[in-house]
Amino acid sequence: MAGTMNTTPCFIGPRMTVRGALLGEDDLVVEGRVEGSIAIAGHLVIAEGGVVESDIEVESVDIRGQVVGDVIASSSVTIHPGAQVHGNVRAPRVVIEDGAHFKGSVEMDVELPEGLARVRAR
């Protein structure tokens, strides 16, 4: 996992479905299904076989399953081989690995080097 877990993560097991908003500060692993919204201050893992049909706002996320919705991360988004993402992704660091399926747009807030920033401002 890309993020540093300070505590034992919370799990949504493979035979669980959650409908509604998930809010919190702990890390979360989704092996089942989430329909609603996810807003956590920690690291999210969508495991192989996990399905998230919601918008996501997290510190960082590793996607190995399926996401239908927009993903916003303050740190990073990694879409692994075999994962399916249908939605827009916004994060300072986005990794889409070979073999991942992605349909949407990517927005990265990246600081430009000072010289290049001046050239673009003209």
PDB file of N, CA and C in Angstrom:
ATOM      1  N   MET A   1       0.831  -1.182   0.000  1.00  0.00           N
ATOM      2  CA  MET A   1       0.000   0.000   0.000  1.00  0.00           C
ATOM      3  C   MET A   1       0.873   1.243   0.000  1.00  0.00           C
ATOM      4  N   ALA A   2       0.430   2.234  -0.721  1.00  0.00           N
ATOM      5  CA  ALA A   2       1.241   3.433  -0.888  1.00  0.00           C
ATOM      6  C   ALA A   2       1.267   4.297   0.359  1.00  0.00           C
ATOM      7  N   GLY A   3       0.155   4.368   1.081  1.00  0.00           N
ATOM      8  CA  GLY A   3       0.085   5.257   2.242  1.00  0.00           C
ATOM      9  C   GLY A   3       0.666   4.624   3.481  1.00  0.00           C
ATOM     10  N   THR A   4       0.971   5.433   4.454  1.00  0.00           N
ATOM     11  CA  THR A   4       1.468   4.939   5.722  1.00  0.00           C
ATOM     12  C   THR A   4       0.291   4.777   6.663  1.00  0.00           C
ATOM     13  N   MET A   5       0.053   3.566   7.106  1.00  0.00           N
ATOM     14  CA  MET A   5      -1.069   3.309   7.991  1.00  0.00           C
ATOM     15  C   MET A   5      -0.614   3.423   9.434  1.00  0.00           C
ATOM     16  N   ASN A   6      -1.244   4.322  10.170  1.00  0.00           N
ATOM     17  CA  ASN A   6      -0.906   4.526  11.568  1.00  0.00           C
ATOM     18  C   ASN A   6      -1.694   3.594  12.473  1.00  0.00           C
ATOM     19  N   THR A   7      -2.839   3.136  12.015  1.00  0.00           N
ATOM     20  CA  THR A   7      -3.687   2.249  12.795  1.00  0.00           C
ATOM     21  C   THR A   7      -4.115   1.092  11.911  1.00  0.00           C
ATOM     22  N   THR A   8      -4.764   0.127  12.515  1.00  0.00           N
ATOM     23  CA  THR A   8      -5.322  -0.966  11.736  1.00  0.00           C
ATOM     24  C   THR A   8      -6.448  -0.400  10.876  1.00  0.00           C
ATOM     25  N   PRO A   9      -6.431  -0.684   9.578  1.00  0.00           N
ATOM     26  CA  PRO A   9      -7.471  -0.110   8.720  1.00  0.00           C
ATOM     27  C   PRO A   9      -8.831  -0.734   8.983  1.00  0.00           C
ATOM     28  N   CYS A  10      -9.867  -0.007   8.642  1.00  0.00           N
ATOM     29  CA  CYS A  10     -11.228  -0.531   8.680  1.00  0.00           C
ATOM     30  C   CYS A  10     -11.451  -1.332   7.406  1.00  0.00           C
ATOM     31  N   PHE A  11     -12.279  -2.376   7.481  1.00  0.00           N
ATOM     32  CA  PHE A  11     -12.538  -3.233   6.324  1.00  0.00           C
ATOM     33  C   PHE A  11     -14.023  -3.275   6.017  1.00  0.00           C
ATOM     34  N   ILE A  12     -14.335  -3.247   4.736  1.00  0.00           N
ATOM     35  CA  ILE A  12     -15.669  -3.585   4.257  1.00  0.00           C
ATOM     36  C   ILE A  12     -15.470  -4.886   3.502  1.00  0.00           C
ATOM     37  N   GLY A  13     -15.945  -5.971   4.082  1.00  0.00           N
ATOM     38  CA  GLY A  13     -15.672  -7.308   3.569  1.00  0.00           C
ATOM     39  C   GLY A  13     -16.306  -7.600   2.228  1.00  0.00           C
ATOM     40  N   PRO A  14     -15.886  -8.684   1.585  1.00  0.00           N
ATOM     41  CA  PRO A  14     -16.326  -9.001   0.229  1.00  0.00           C
ATOM     42  C   PRO A  14     -17.820  -9.304   0.104  1.00  0.00           C
ATOM     43  N   ARG A  15     -18.489  -9.654   1.194  1.00  0.00           N
ATOM     44  CA  ARG A  15     -19.922  -9.932   1.130  1.00  0.00           C
ATOM     45  C   ARG A  15     -20.750  -8.810   1.744  1.00  0.00           C
ATOM     46  N   MET A  16     -20.132  -7.603   1.870  1.00  0.00           N
ATOM     47  CA  MET A  16     -20.818  -6.454   2.464  1.00  0.00           C
ATOM     48  C   MET A  16     -21.139  -5.412   1.398  1.00  0.00           C
ATOM     49  N   THR A  17     -22.291  -4.749   1.547  1.00  0.00           N
ATOM     50  CA  THR A  17     -22.668  -3.602   0.729  1.00  0.00           C
ATOM     51  C   THR A  17     -23.014  -2.465   1.675  1.00  0.00           C
ATOM     52  N   VAL A  18     -22.412  -1.312   1.437  1.00  0.00           N
ATOM     53  CA  VAL A  18     -22.688  -0.132   2.247  1.00  0.00           C
ATOM     54  C   VAL A  18     -23.322   0.910   1.334  1.00  0.00           C
ATOM     55  N   ARG A  19     -24.491   1.432   1.746  1.00  0.00           N
ATOM     56  CA  ARG A  19     -25.162   2.492   1.001  1.00  0.00           C
ATOM     57  C   ARG A  19     -25.238   3.721   1.890  1.00  0.00           C
ATOM     58  N   GLY A  20     -24.660   4.834   1.406  1.00  0.00           N
ATOM     59  CA  GLY A  20     -24.657   6.060   2.179  1.00  0.00           C
ATOM     60  C   GLY A  20     -23.274   6.669   2.217  1.00  0.00           C
ATOM     61  N   ALA A  21     -23.105   7.658   3.075  1.00  0.00           N
ATOM     62  CA  ALA A  21     -21.839   8.392   3.170  1.00  0.00           C
ATOM     63  C   ALA A  21     -20.924   7.737   4.194  1.00  0.00           C
ATOM     64  N   LEU A  22     -19.653   7.562   3.810  1.00  0.00           N
ATOM     65  CA  LEU A  22     -18.626   7.102   4.738  1.00  0.00           C
ATOM     66  C   LEU A  22     -17.707   8.274   5.021  1.00  0.00           C
ATOM     67  N   LEU A  23     -17.619   8.676   6.292  1.00  0.00           N
ATOM     68  CA  LEU A  23     -16.779   9.791   6.709  1.00  0.00           C
ATOM     69  C   LEU A  23     -15.867   9.303   7.820  1.00  0.00           C
ATOM     70  N   GLY A  24     -14.618   9.789   7.835  1.00  0.00           N
ATOM     71  CA  GLY A  24     -13.744   9.400   8.928  1.00  0.00           C
ATOM     72  C   GLY A  24     -12.310   9.798   8.702  1.00  0.00           C
ATOM     73  N   GLU A  25     -11.470   9.361   9.625  1.00  0.00           N
ATOM     74  CA  GLU A  25     -10.057   9.695   9.569  1.00  0.00           C
ATOM     75  C   GLU A  25      -9.181   8.459   9.477  1.00  0.00           C
ATOM     76  N   ASP A  26      -9.761   7.274   9.561  1.00  0.00           N
ATOM     77  CA  ASP A  26      -8.983   6.041   9.513  1.00  0.00           C
ATOM     78  C   ASP A  26      -8.764   5.593   8.079  1.00  0.00           C
ATOM     79  N   ASP A  27      -7.787   4.708   7.904  1.00  0.00           N
ATOM     80  CA  ASP A  27      -7.570   4.071   6.610  1.00  0.00           C
ATOM     81  C   ASP A  27      -8.701   3.070   6.390  1.00  0.00           C
ATOM     82  N   LEU A  28      -9.003   2.809   5.113  1.00  0.00           N
ATOM     83  CA  LEU A  28     -10.136   1.950   4.777  1.00  0.00           C
ATOM     84  C   LEU A  28      -9.763   1.024   3.639  1.00  0.00           C
ATOM     85  N   VAL A  29     -10.172  -0.246   3.746  1.00  0.00           N
ATOM     86  CA  VAL A  29     -10.014  -1.225   2.679  1.00  0.00           C
ATOM     87  C   VAL A  29     -11.412  -1.683   2.282  1.00  0.00           C
ATOM     88  N   VAL A  30     -11.727  -1.539   0.987  1.00  0.00           N
ATOM     89  CA  VAL A  30     -13.028  -1.956   0.472  1.00  0.00           C
ATOM     90  C   VAL A  30     -12.825  -3.221  -0.349  1.00  0.00           C
ATOM     91  N   GLU A  31     -13.357  -4.328   0.164  1.00  0.00           N
ATOM     92  CA  GLU A  31     -13.342  -5.590  -0.575  1.00  0.00           C
ATOM     93  C   GLU A  31     -14.726  -5.902  -1.106  1.00  0.00           C
ATOM     94  N   GLY A  32     -15.733  -5.194  -0.605  1.00  0.00           N
ATOM     95  CA  GLY A  32     -17.117  -5.395  -1.016  1.00  0.00           C
ATOM     96  C   GLY A  32     -17.583  -4.280  -1.924  1.00  0.00           C
ATOM     97  N   ARG A  33     -18.744  -3.708  -1.597  1.00  0.00           N
ATOM     98  CA  ARG A  33     -19.370  -2.695  -2.448  1.00  0.00           C
ATOM     99  C   ARG A  33     -19.765  -1.483  -1.619  1.00  0.00           C
ATOM    100  N   VAL A  34     -19.493  -0.274  -2.154  1.00  0.00           N
ATOM    101  CA  VAL A  34     -19.911   0.971  -1.518  1.00  0.00           C
ATOM    102  C   VAL A  34     -20.694   1.782  -2.544  1.00  0.00           C
ATOM    103  N   GLU A  35     -21.902   2.189  -2.165  1.00  0.00           N
ATOM    104  CA  GLU A  35     -22.745   3.042  -2.998  1.00  0.00           C
ATOM    105  C   GLU A  35     -23.072   4.273  -2.173  1.00  0.00           C
ATOM    106  N   GLY A  36     -22.530   5.401  -2.524  1.00  0.00           N
ATOM    107  CA  GLY A  36     -22.727   6.633  -1.755  1.00  0.00           C
ATOM    108  C   GLY A  36     -21.530   7.520  -1.952  1.00  0.00           C
ATOM    109  N   SER A  37     -20.989   8.053  -0.875  1.00  0.00           N
ATOM    110  CA  SER A  37     -19.782   8.879  -0.979  1.00  0.00           C
ATOM    111  C   SER A  37     -18.785   8.443   0.087  1.00  0.00           C
ATOM    112  N   ILE A  38     -17.506   8.635  -0.236  1.00  0.00           N
ATOM    113  CA  ILE A  38     -16.431   8.315   0.706  1.00  0.00           C
ATOM    114  C   ILE A  38     -15.598   9.569   0.893  1.00  0.00           C
ATOM    115  N   ALA A  39     -15.446  10.017   2.138  1.00  0.00           N
ATOM    116  CA  ALA A  39     -14.593  11.161   2.470  1.00  0.00           C
ATOM    117  C   ALA A  39     -13.813  10.792   3.726  1.00  0.00           C
ATOM    118  N   ILE A  40     -12.550  10.404   3.537  1.00  0.00           N
ATOM    119  CA  ILE A  40     -11.723  10.033   4.679  1.00  0.00           C
ATOM    120  C   ILE A  40     -10.383  10.753   4.598  1.00  0.00           C
ATOM    121  N   ALA A  41      -9.809  10.997   5.753  1.00  0.00           N
ATOM    122  CA  ALA A  41      -8.529  11.701   5.831  1.00  0.00           C
ATOM    123  C   ALA A  41      -7.359  10.737   5.742  1.00  0.00           C
ATOM    124  N   GLY A  42      -7.630   9.463   5.508  1.00  0.00           N
ATOM    125  CA  GLY A  42      -6.570   8.467   5.460  1.00  0.00           C
ATOM    126  C   GLY A  42      -6.387   7.886   4.079  1.00  0.00           C
ATOM    127  N   HIS A  43      -5.829   6.667   4.048  1.00  0.00           N
ATOM    128  CA  HIS A  43      -5.525   5.950   2.815  1.00  0.00           C
ATOM    129  C   HIS A  43      -6.660   4.981   2.513  1.00  0.00           C
ATOM    130  N   LEU A  44      -7.089   4.941   1.260  1.00  0.00           N
ATOM    131  CA  LEU A  44      -8.157   4.049   0.816  1.00  0.00           C
ATOM    132  C   LEU A  44      -7.571   3.007  -0.120  1.00  0.00           C
ATOM    133  N   VAL A  45      -7.951   1.768   0.087  1.00  0.00           N
ATOM    134  CA  VAL A  45      -7.607   0.693  -0.836  1.00  0.00           C
ATOM    135  C   VAL A  45      -8.907   0.088  -1.330  1.00  0.00           C
ATOM    136  N   ILE A  46      -9.066   0.053  -2.642  1.00  0.00           N
ATOM    137  CA  ILE A  46     -10.191  -0.654  -3.237  1.00  0.00           C
ATOM    138  C   ILE A  46      -9.591  -1.941  -3.784  1.00  0.00           C
ATOM    139  N   ALA A  47      -9.857  -3.021  -3.083  1.00  0.00           N
ATOM    140  CA  ALA A  47      -9.222  -4.301  -3.379  1.00  0.00           C
ATOM    141  C   ALA A  47      -9.773  -4.896  -4.668  1.00  0.00           C
ATOM    142  N   GLU A  48      -9.056  -5.873  -5.197  1.00  0.00           N
ATOM    143  CA  GLU A  48      -9.525  -6.615  -6.348  1.00  0.00           C
ATOM    144  C   GLU A  48     -10.890  -7.198  -5.989  1.00  0.00           C
ATOM    145  N   GLY A  49     -11.878  -6.989  -6.822  1.00  0.00           N
ATOM    146  CA  GLY A  49     -13.232  -7.449  -6.518  1.00  0.00           C
ATOM    147  C   GLY A  49     -14.064  -6.414  -5.792  1.00  0.00           C
ATOM    148  N   GLY A  50     -13.447  -5.363  -5.259  1.00  0.00           N
ATOM    149  CA  GLY A  50     -14.174  -4.282  -4.607  1.00  0.00           C
ATOM    150  C   GLY A  50     -14.799  -3.360  -5.640  1.00  0.00           C
ATOM    151  N   VAL A  51     -15.999  -2.853  -5.329  1.00  0.00           N
ATOM    152  CA  VAL A  51     -16.717  -1.964  -6.237  1.00  0.00           C
ATOM    153  C   VAL A  51     -17.146  -0.728  -5.453  1.00  0.00           C
ATOM    154  N   VAL A  52     -16.789   0.442  -5.975  1.00  0.00           N
ATOM    155  CA  VAL A  52     -17.191   1.701  -5.356  1.00  0.00           C
ATOM    156  C   VAL A  52     -17.927   2.508  -6.405  1.00  0.00           C
ATOM    157  N   GLU A  53     -19.206   2.758  -6.149  1.00  0.00           N
ATOM    158  CA  GLU A  53     -20.016   3.603  -7.016  1.00  0.00           C
ATOM    159  C   GLU A  53     -20.319   4.874  -6.237  1.00  0.00           C
ATOM    160  N   SER A  54     -19.332   5.756  -6.205  1.00  0.00           N
ATOM    161  CA  SER A  54     -19.475   6.981  -5.439  1.00  0.00           C
ATOM    162  C   SER A  54     -18.317   7.904  -5.746  1.00  0.00           C
ATOM    163  N   ASP A  55     -18.473   9.156  -5.353  1.00  0.00           N
ATOM    164  CA  ASP A  55     -17.361  10.089  -5.409  1.00  0.00           C
ATOM    165  C   ASP A  55     -16.480   9.837  -4.191  1.00  0.00           C
ATOM    166  N   ILE A  56     -15.180  10.034  -4.387  1.00  0.00           N
ATOM    167  CA  ILE A  56     -14.199   9.718  -3.353  1.00  0.00           C
ATOM    168  C   ILE A  56     -13.344  10.946  -3.077  1.00  0.00           C
ATOM    169  N   GLU A  57     -13.172  11.299  -1.800  1.00  0.00           N
ATOM    170  CA  GLU A  57     -12.228  12.335  -1.365  1.00  0.00           C
ATOM    171  C   GLU A  57     -11.386  11.738  -0.248  1.00  0.00           C
ATOM    172  N   VAL A  58     -10.071  11.586  -0.520  1.00  0.00           N
ATOM    173  CA  VAL A  58      -9.174  10.910   0.415  1.00  0.00           C
ATOM    174  C   VAL A  58      -7.796  11.561   0.381  1.00  0.00           C
ATOM    175  N   GLU A  59      -6.921  11.105   1.280  1.00  0.00           N
ATOM    176  CA  GLU A  59      -5.524  11.527   1.222  1.00  0.00           C
ATOM    177  C   GLU A  59      -4.835  10.823   0.061  1.00  0.00           C
ATOM    178  N   SER A  60      -4.981   9.488  -0.001  1.00  0.00           N
ATOM    179  CA  SER A  60      -4.394   8.709  -1.087  1.00  0.00           C
ATOM    180  C   SER A  60      -5.247   7.476  -1.312  1.00  0.00           C
ATOM    181  N   VAL A  61      -5.136   6.910  -2.530  1.00  0.00           N
ATOM    182  CA  VAL A  61      -5.948   5.748  -2.854  1.00  0.00           C
ATOM    183  C   VAL A  61      -5.188   4.828  -3.797  1.00  0.00           C
ATOM    184  N   ASP A  62      -5.306   3.519  -3.525  1.00  0.00           N
ATOM    185  CA  ASP A  62      -4.835   2.465  -4.417  1.00  0.00           C
ATOM    186  C   ASP A  62      -6.078   1.766  -4.944  1.00  0.00           C
ATOM    187  N   ILE A  63      -6.246   1.767  -6.265  1.00  0.00           N
ATOM    188  CA  ILE A  63      -7.429   1.165  -6.866  1.00  0.00           C
ATOM    189  C   ILE A  63      -7.011  -0.110  -7.584  1.00  0.00           C
ATOM    190  N   ARG A  64      -7.549  -1.219  -7.122  1.00  0.00           N
ATOM    191  CA  ARG A  64      -7.311  -2.522  -7.750  1.00  0.00           C
ATOM    192  C   ARG A  64      -8.618  -3.119  -8.252  1.00  0.00           C
ATOM    193  N   GLY A  65      -9.744  -2.568  -7.813  1.00  0.00           N
ATOM    194  CA  GLY A  65     -11.075  -3.033  -8.203  1.00  0.00           C
ATOM    195  C   GLY A  65     -11.721  -2.069  -9.179  1.00  0.00           C
ATOM    196  N   GLN A  66     -12.991  -1.731  -8.928  1.00  0.00           N
ATOM    197  CA  GLN A  66     -13.768  -0.903  -9.849  1.00  0.00           C
ATOM    198  C   GLN A  66     -14.278   0.349  -9.142  1.00  0.00           C
ATOM    199  N   VAL A  67     -14.165   1.492  -9.821  1.00  0.00           N
ATOM    200  CA  VAL A  67     -14.689   2.759  -9.317  1.00  0.00           C
ATOM    201  C   VAL A  67     -15.513   3.417 -10.414  1.00  0.00           C
ATOM    202  N   VAL A  68     -16.733   3.822 -10.052  1.00  0.00           N
ATOM    203  CA  VAL A  68     -17.566   4.630 -10.929  1.00  0.00           C
ATOM    204  C   VAL A  68     -17.863   5.896 -10.136  1.00  0.00           C
ATOM    205  N   GLY A  69     -17.186   6.988 -10.487  1.00  0.00           N
ATOM    206  CA  GLY A  69     -17.327   8.246  -9.767  1.00  0.00           C
ATOM    207  C   GLY A  69     -16.024   9.013  -9.811  1.00  0.00           C
ATOM    208  N   ASP A  70     -16.060  10.244  -9.354  1.00  0.00           N
ATOM    209  CA  ASP A  70     -14.880  11.097  -9.356  1.00  0.00           C
ATOM    210  C   ASP A  70     -14.008  10.803  -8.140  1.00  0.00           C
ATOM    211  N   VAL A  71     -12.687  10.905  -8.340  1.00  0.00           N
ATOM    212  CA  VAL A  71     -11.715  10.622  -7.285  1.00  0.00           C
ATOM    213  C   VAL A  71     -10.863  11.864  -7.061  1.00  0.00           C
ATOM    214  N   ILE A  72     -10.855  12.369  -5.833  1.00  0.00           N
ATOM    215  CA  ILE A  72     -10.009  13.504  -5.456  1.00  0.00           C
ATOM    216  C   ILE A  72      -9.125  13.052  -4.311  1.00  0.00           C
ATOM    217  N   ALA A  73      -7.806  13.218  -4.481  1.00  0.00           N
ATOM    218  CA  ALA A  73      -6.863  12.825  -3.432  1.00  0.00           C
ATOM    219  C   ALA A  73      -5.902  13.974  -3.173  1.00  0.00           C
ATOM    220  N   SER A  74      -5.610  14.241  -1.913  1.00  0.00           N
ATOM    221  CA  SER A  74      -4.682  15.319  -1.576  1.00  0.00           C
ATOM    222  C   SER A  74      -3.233  14.911  -1.798  1.00  0.00           C
ATOM    223  N   SER A  75      -2.965  13.604  -1.909  1.00  0.00           N
ATOM    224  CA  SER A  75      -1.598  13.117  -2.087  1.00  0.00           C
ATOM    225  C   SER A  75      -1.426  12.370  -3.406  1.00  0.00           C
ATOM    226  N   SER A  76      -2.060  11.184  -3.532  1.00  0.00           N
ATOM    227  CA  SER A  76      -1.820  10.383  -4.739  1.00  0.00           C
ATOM    228  C   SER A  76      -2.973   9.446  -5.053  1.00  0.00           C
ATOM    229  N   VAL A  77      -3.058   9.097  -6.348  1.00  0.00           N
ATOM    230  CA  VAL A  77      -3.996   8.094  -6.848  1.00  0.00           C
ATOM    231  C   VAL A  77      -3.178   7.101  -7.665  1.00  0.00           C
ATOM    232  N   THR A  78      -3.316   5.803  -7.368  1.00  0.00           N
ATOM    233  CA  THR A  78      -2.666   4.767  -8.152  1.00  0.00           C
ATOM    234  C   THR A  78      -3.731   3.808  -8.645  1.00  0.00           C
ATOM    235  N   ILE A  79      -3.777   3.626  -9.976  1.00  0.00           N
ATOM    236  CA  ILE A  79      -4.719   2.711 -10.596  1.00  0.00           C
ATOM    237  C   ILE A  79      -3.899   1.523 -11.109  1.00  0.00           C
ATOM    238  N   HIS A  80      -4.123   0.364 -10.516  1.00  0.00           N
ATOM    239  CA  HIS A  80      -3.303  -0.823 -10.765  1.00  0.00           C
ATOM    240  C   HIS A  80      -3.831  -1.635 -11.955  1.00  0.00           C
ATOM    241  N   PRO A  81      -3.007  -2.539 -12.494  1.00  0.00           N
ATOM    242  CA  PRO A  81      -3.448  -3.392 -13.605  1.00  0.00           C
ATOM    243  C   PRO A  81      -4.713  -4.156 -13.241  1.00  0.00           C
ATOM    244  N   GLY A  82      -5.659  -4.193 -14.182  1.00  0.00           N
ATOM    245  CA  GLY A  82      -6.921  -4.887 -13.949  1.00  0.00           C
ATOM    246  C   GLY A  82      -7.996  -4.022 -13.324  1.00  0.00           C
ATOM    247  N   ALA A  83      -7.619  -2.870 -12.772  1.00  0.00           N
ATOM    248  CA  ALA A  83      -8.604  -1.966 -12.169  1.00  0.00           C
ATOM    249  C   ALA A  83      -9.412  -1.286 -13.271  1.00  0.00           C
ATOM    250  N   GLN A  84     -10.631  -0.870 -12.920  1.00  0.00           N
ATOM    251  CA  GLN A  84     -11.485  -0.141 -13.849  1.00  0.00           C
ATOM    252  C   GLN A  84     -11.959   1.125 -13.167  1.00  0.00           C
ATOM    253  N   VAL A  85     -11.678   2.269 -13.783  1.00  0.00           N
ATOM    254  CA  VAL A  85     -12.097   3.557 -13.233  1.00  0.00           C
ATOM    255  C   VAL A  85     -12.852   4.319 -14.314  1.00  0.00           C
ATOM    256  N   HIS A  86     -14.084   4.712 -13.997  1.00  0.00           N
ATOM    257  CA  HIS A  86     -14.909   5.521 -14.890  1.00  0.00           C
ATOM    258  C   HIS A  86     -15.273   6.785 -14.126  1.00  0.00           C
ATOM    259  N   GLY A  87     -14.489   7.834 -14.335  1.00  0.00           N
ATOM    260  CA  GLY A  87     -14.708   9.099 -13.644  1.00  0.00           C
ATOM    261  C   GLY A  87     -13.466   9.947 -13.729  1.00  0.00           C
ATOM    262  N   ASN A  88     -13.566  11.150 -13.259  1.00  0.00           N
ATOM    263  CA  ASN A  88     -12.449  12.090 -13.286  1.00  0.00           C
ATOM    264  C   ASN A  88     -11.566  11.896 -12.066  1.00  0.00           C
ATOM    265  N   VAL A  89     -10.269  12.123 -12.256  1.00  0.00           N
ATOM    266  CA  VAL A  89      -9.297  11.949 -11.178  1.00  0.00           C
ATOM    267  C   VAL A  89      -8.542  13.257 -10.993  1.00  0.00           C
ATOM    268  N   ARG A  90      -8.429  13.705  -9.743  1.00  0.00           N
ATOM    269  CA  ARG A  90      -7.661  14.917  -9.433  1.00  0.00           C
ATOM    270  C   ARG A  90      -6.772  14.649  -8.234  1.00  0.00           C
ATOM    271  N   ALA A  91      -5.454  14.844  -8.442  1.00  0.00           N
ATOM    272  CA  ALA A  91      -4.461  14.644  -7.376  1.00  0.00           C
ATOM    273  C   ALA A  91      -3.129  15.212  -7.854  1.00  0.00           C
ATOM    274  N   PRO A  92      -2.228  15.551  -6.925  1.00  0.00           N
ATOM    275  CA  PRO A  92      -0.904  16.022  -7.331  1.00  0.00           C
ATOM    276  C   PRO A  92      -0.076  14.923  -7.998  1.00  0.00           C
ATOM    277  N   ARG A  93      -0.358  13.656  -7.649  1.00  0.00           N
ATOM    278  CA  ARG A  93       0.383  12.527  -8.223  1.00  0.00           C
ATOM    279  C   ARG A  93      -0.618  11.468  -8.653  1.00  0.00           C
ATOM    280  N   VAL A  94      -0.604  11.134  -9.949  1.00  0.00           N
ATOM    281  CA  VAL A  94      -1.506  10.128 -10.500  1.00  0.00           C
ATOM    282  C   VAL A  94      -0.680   9.100 -11.258  1.00  0.00           C
ATOM    283  N   VAL A  95      -0.869   7.829 -10.924  1.00  0.00           N
ATOM    284  CA  VAL A  95      -0.184   6.738 -11.605  1.00  0.00           C
ATOM    285  C   VAL A  95      -1.251   5.812 -12.180  1.00  0.00           C
ATOM    286  N   ILE A  96      -1.223   5.642 -13.501  1.00  0.00           N
ATOM    287  CA  ILE A  96      -2.113   4.696 -14.166  1.00  0.00           C
ATOM    288  C   ILE A  96      -1.211   3.621 -14.760  1.00  0.00           C
ATOM    289  N   GLU A  97      -1.215   2.460 -14.136  1.00  0.00           N
ATOM    290  CA  GLU A  97      -0.303   1.394 -14.544  1.00  0.00           C
ATOM    291  C   GLU A  97      -0.812   0.688 -15.799  1.00  0.00           C
ATOM    292  N   ASP A  98       0.128   0.092 -16.530  1.00  0.00           N
ATOM    293  CA  ASP A  98      -0.185  -0.653 -17.735  1.00  0.00           C
ATOM    294  C   ASP A  98      -1.164  -1.771 -17.389  1.00  0.00           C
ATOM    295  N   GLY A  99      -2.244  -1.883 -18.147  1.00  0.00           N
ATOM    296  CA  GLY A  99      -3.245  -2.906 -17.886  1.00  0.00           C
ATOM    297  C   GLY A  99      -4.445  -2.391 -17.108  1.00  0.00           C
ATOM    298  N   ALA A 100      -4.397  -1.138 -16.654  1.00  0.00           N
ATOM    299  CA  ALA A 100      -5.541  -0.528 -15.976  1.00  0.00           C
ATOM    300  C   ALA A 100      -6.502   0.020 -17.028  1.00  0.00           C
ATOM    301  N   HIS A 101      -7.786   0.049 -16.711  1.00  0.00           N
ATOM    302  CA  HIS A 101      -8.803   0.599 -17.612  1.00  0.00           C
ATOM    303  C   HIS A 101      -9.287   1.907 -17.007  1.00  0.00           C
ATOM    304  N   PHE A 102      -9.135   3.001 -17.745  1.00  0.00           N
ATOM    305  CA  PHE A 102      -9.490   4.328 -17.233  1.00  0.00           C
ATOM    306  C   PHE A 102     -10.275   5.087 -18.287  1.00  0.00           C
ATOM    307  N   LYS A 103     -11.424   5.627 -17.890  1.00  0.00           N
ATOM    308  CA  LYS A 103     -12.225   6.476 -18.772  1.00  0.00           C
ATOM    309  C   LYS A 103     -12.609   7.714 -17.977  1.00  0.00           C
ATOM    310  N   GLY A 104     -12.050   8.857 -18.365  1.00  0.00           N
ATOM    311  CA  GLY A 104     -12.306  10.103 -17.660  1.00  0.00           C
ATOM    312  C   GLY A 104     -11.196  11.081 -17.940  1.00  0.00           C
ATOM    313  N   SER A 105     -11.082  12.082 -17.097  1.00  0.00           N
ATOM    314  CA  SER A 105     -10.011  13.061 -17.250  1.00  0.00           C
ATOM    315  C   SER A 105      -9.143  13.068 -16.000  1.00  0.00           C
ATOM    316  N   VAL A 106      -7.918  13.549 -16.182  1.00  0.00           N
ATOM    317  CA  VAL A 106      -6.970  13.644 -15.075  1.00  0.00           C
ATOM    318  C   VAL A 106      -6.592  15.106 -14.912  1.00  0.00           C
ATOM    319  N   GLU A 107      -6.672  15.597 -13.696  1.00  0.00           N
ATOM    320  CA  GLU A 107      -6.242  16.959 -13.381  1.00  0.00           C
ATOM    321  C   GLU A 107      -5.201  16.867 -12.272  1.00  0.00           C
ATOM    322  N   MET A 108      -4.038  17.438 -12.550  1.00  0.00           N
ATOM    323  CA  MET A 108      -2.957  17.407 -11.573  1.00  0.00           C
ATOM    324  C   MET A 108      -2.562  18.833 -11.241  1.00  0.00           C
ATOM    325  N   ASP A 109      -2.612  19.176  -9.972  1.00  0.00           N
ATOM    326  CA  ASP A 109      -2.163  20.488  -9.516  1.00  0.00           C
ATOM    327  C   ASP A 109      -0.664  20.385  -9.289  1.00  0.00           C
ATOM    328  N   VAL A 110       0.089  20.824 -10.281  1.00  0.00           N
ATOM    329  CA  VAL A 110       1.531  20.686 -10.233  1.00  0.00           C
ATOM    330  C   VAL A 110       2.158  22.070 -10.247  1.00  0.00           C
ATOM    331  N   GLU A 111       3.092  22.291  -9.337  1.00  0.00           N
ATOM    332  CA  GLU A 111       3.844  23.545  -9.316  1.00  0.00           C
ATOM    333  C   GLU A 111       4.816  23.557 -10.486  1.00  0.00           C
ATOM    334  N   LEU A 112       4.739  24.581 -11.332  1.00  0.00           N
ATOM    335  CA  LEU A 112       5.672  24.721 -12.438  1.00  0.00           C
ATOM    336  C   LEU A 112       6.976  25.324 -11.944  1.00  0.00           C
ATOM    337  N   PRO A 113       8.094  24.943 -12.548  1.00  0.00           N
ATOM    338  CA  PRO A 113       9.357  25.595 -12.203  1.00  0.00           C
ATOM    339  C   PRO A 113       9.241  27.099 -12.445  1.00  0.00           C
ATOM    340  N   GLU A 114       9.946  27.892 -11.646  1.00  0.00           N
ATOM    341  CA  GLU A 114       9.807  29.348 -11.679  1.00  0.00           C
ATOM    342  C   GLU A 114       9.980  29.918 -13.083  1.00  0.00           C
ATOM    343  N   GLY A 115      10.995  29.509 -13.825  1.00  0.00           N
ATOM    344  CA  GLY A 115      11.237  30.026 -15.170  1.00  0.00           C
ATOM    345  C   GLY A 115      10.101  29.705 -16.120  1.00  0.00           C
ATOM    346  N   LEU A 116       9.582  28.499 -16.054  1.00  0.00           N
ATOM    347  CA  LEU A 116       8.489  28.087 -16.915  1.00  0.00           C
ATOM    348  C   LEU A 116       7.198  28.802 -16.524  1.00  0.00           C
ATOM    349  N   ALA A 117       6.997  29.018 -15.251  1.00  0.00           N
ATOM    350  CA  ALA A 117       5.796  29.723 -14.790  1.00  0.00           C
ATOM    351  C   ALA A 117       5.774  31.143 -15.345  1.00  0.00           C
ATOM    352  N   ARG A 118       6.927  31.816 -15.418  1.00  0.00           N
ATOM    353  CA  ARG A 118       6.991  33.172 -15.961  1.00  0.00           C
ATOM    354  C   ARG A 118       6.689  33.178 -17.461  1.00  0.00           C
ATOM    355  N   VAL A 119       7.174  32.190 -18.184  1.00  0.00           N
ATOM    356  CA  VAL A 119       6.933  32.111 -19.630  1.00  0.00           C
ATOM    357  C   VAL A 119       5.451  31.910 -19.897  1.00  0.00           C
ATOM    358  N   ARG A 120       4.787  31.055 -19.156  1.00  0.00           N
ATOM    359  CA  ARG A 120       3.359  30.798 -19.349  1.00  0.00           C
ATOM    360  C   ARG A 120       2.514  32.008 -18.991  1.00  0.00           C
ATOM    361  N   ALA A 121       2.966  32.849 -18.068  1.00  0.00           N
ATOM    362  CA  ALA A 121       2.205  34.022 -17.629  1.00  0.00           C
ATOM    363  C   ALA A 121       2.164  35.109 -18.698  1.00  0.00           C
ATOM    364  N   ARG A 122       3.092  35.104 -19.629  1.00  0.00           N
ATOM    365  CA  ARG A 122       3.146  36.139 -20.664  1.00  0.00           C
ATOM    366  C   ARG A 122       2.038  36.070 -21.634  1.00  0.00           C
TER     367      ARG A 122
END
